[in-house]
Amino acid sequence: MTNAAAPADRREALAEVADVIVAGEASVDVRGMVDALADAGMPQVLCEGGPHLFGSLIEADRVDELCLSLSPKLVAGEAGRIVRGAPEVDRSMRLVHAIPAGDLLLLRYSRSR
């Protein structure tokens, strides 16, 4: 996934070993990215790209599920939220599964629409 402003020679070199999809002009358009993946037969996207990418997906209204693992540890510091760099939005979710695994709690939420 890249944008139209990426150097053409690099896109061409990558196209020899991978499917290169252009989504956006100066930066990757997240809505266009998800739509292009769906058009290519990949309608489900698992995001493990970090809080800024996750924030972009939420801002583009492209998140319909959240899998969250809770561990019984208290850690101080300046760590941020699981979402960063996006405007504050409110998306209602409903609990689908809660699975205890020892001290760990595995949670799965689905988008309430």
Protein backbone atom coordinates (compact mmCIF):
# COMPACT_ATOMS: atom_id res chain seq x y z
CA MET A 1 0.00 0.00 0.00
CA THR A 2 1.44 3.35 -0.99
CA ASN A 3 0.48 6.75 -2.37
CA ALA A 4 0.86 8.36 -5.79
CA ALA A 5 3.65 10.66 -4.54
CA ALA A 6 5.92 7.70 -3.73
CA PRO A 7 8.88 7.45 -6.13
CA ALA A 8 7.75 5.64 -9.28
CA ASP A 9 11.00 3.66 -9.56
CA ARG A 10 10.55 2.23 -6.07
CA ARG A 11 6.92 1.32 -6.78
CA GLU A 12 8.00 -0.39 -10.02
CA ALA A 13 10.77 -2.33 -8.24
CA LEU A 14 8.35 -3.50 -5.58
CA ALA A 15 5.76 -4.44 -8.20
CA GLU A 16 8.17 -7.13 -9.41
CA VAL A 17 7.77 -9.03 -6.12
CA ALA A 18 4.50 -7.76 -4.63
CA ASP A 19 1.11 -6.33 -5.48
CA VAL A 20 1.50 -2.57 -5.16
CA ILE A 21 -1.72 -0.68 -4.56
CA VAL A 22 -1.83 3.11 -4.78
CA ALA A 23 -4.40 4.61 -2.42
CA GLY A 24 -4.19 8.37 -2.09
CA GLU A 25 -2.17 11.19 -3.57
CA ALA A 26 0.33 12.55 -1.00
CA SER A 27 -0.39 10.04 1.77
CA VAL A 28 -2.20 6.72 2.01
CA ASP A 29 -5.96 7.24 2.09
CA VAL A 30 -7.19 4.75 4.70
CA ARG A 31 -10.72 4.46 3.29
CA GLY A 32 -9.28 3.88 -0.18
CA MET A 33 -6.80 1.36 1.23
CA VAL A 34 -9.49 -0.75 2.91
CA ASP A 35 -11.76 -0.49 -0.13
CA ALA A 36 -8.90 -1.54 -2.46
CA LEU A 37 -8.15 -4.55 -0.26
CA ALA A 38 -11.83 -5.56 -0.31
CA ASP A 39 -11.91 -5.16 -4.11
CA ALA A 40 -8.86 -7.46 -4.27
CA GLY A 41 -10.78 -10.15 -2.36
CA MET A 42 -9.50 -9.28 1.12
CA PRO A 43 -12.53 -7.82 2.93
CA GLN A 44 -11.14 -8.46 6.43
CA VAL A 45 -8.16 -6.50 7.74
CA LEU A 46 -6.34 -7.34 10.95
CA CYS A 47 -4.65 -4.18 12.21
CA GLU A 48 -1.54 -4.64 14.27
CA GLY A 49 0.12 -1.52 12.95
CA GLY A 50 0.17 0.60 16.08
CA PRO A 51 -1.91 3.37 17.64
CA HIS A 52 -1.62 5.89 14.78
CA LEU A 53 -2.76 3.43 12.10
CA PHE A 54 -5.53 2.20 14.41
CA GLY A 55 -6.58 5.82 14.96
CA SER A 56 -6.69 6.42 11.21
CA LEU A 57 -8.89 3.35 10.74
CA ILE A 58 -11.28 4.51 13.48
CA GLU A 59 -11.38 8.03 12.04
CA ALA A 60 -12.23 6.54 8.61
CA ASP A 61 -14.99 4.46 10.25
CA ARG A 62 -13.35 1.20 9.16
CA VAL A 63 -13.21 -0.62 12.53
CA ASP A 64 -15.97 -3.10 13.28
CA GLU A 65 -14.26 -5.35 15.81
CA LEU A 66 -11.78 -5.03 18.67
CA CYS A 67 -9.82 -7.86 20.24
CA LEU A 68 -8.31 -6.79 23.53
CA SER A 69 -6.11 -8.73 25.95
CA LEU A 70 -6.03 -7.62 29.59
CA SER A 71 -3.12 -8.60 31.76
CA PRO A 72 -3.10 -8.16 35.54
CA LYS A 73 -0.17 -5.75 35.68
CA LEU A 74 -0.02 -2.19 36.87
CA VAL A 75 2.63 -0.23 35.03
CA ALA A 76 3.30 3.46 35.57
CA GLY A 77 4.73 5.74 32.94
CA GLU A 78 3.67 7.91 30.05
CA ALA A 79 2.37 5.24 27.68
CA GLY A 80 -0.46 6.42 25.48
CA ARG A 81 -3.79 4.89 24.63
CA ILE A 82 -4.28 2.16 22.05
CA VAL A 83 -5.34 4.95 19.67
CA ARG A 84 -3.31 8.08 18.91
CA GLY A 85 -3.25 10.86 16.39
CA ALA A 86 -6.94 10.85 15.51
CA PRO A 87 -9.72 13.17 16.58
CA GLU A 88 -11.88 11.95 19.42
CA VAL A 89 -14.81 9.89 18.17
CA ASP A 90 -17.40 7.78 19.94
CA ARG A 91 -18.00 4.29 18.54
CA SER A 92 -20.28 1.98 20.52
CA MET A 93 -19.09 -1.61 20.82
CA ARG A 94 -20.72 -4.67 22.37
CA LEU A 95 -18.99 -7.56 24.12
CA VAL A 96 -19.02 -10.76 22.04
CA HIS A 97 -16.60 -12.98 24.00
CA ALA A 98 -14.77 -12.85 27.31
CA ILE A 99 -12.36 -15.75 27.71
CA PRO A 100 -10.23 -16.14 30.82
CA ALA A 101 -6.84 -17.70 30.12
CA GLY A 102 -5.12 -18.02 33.48
CA ASP A 103 -4.67 -14.47 34.75
CA LEU A 104 -5.14 -13.09 31.24
CA LEU A 105 -8.56 -12.00 29.98
CA LEU A 106 -9.21 -12.14 26.22
CA LEU A 107 -12.01 -9.82 25.11
CA ARG A 108 -13.68 -9.48 21.73
CA TYR A 109 -15.99 -6.59 20.95
CA SER A 110 -18.13 -6.01 17.87
CA ARG A 111 -19.35 -2.70 16.51
CA SER A 112 -22.88 -1.75 17.56
CA ARG A 113 -24.66 -0.15 14.63
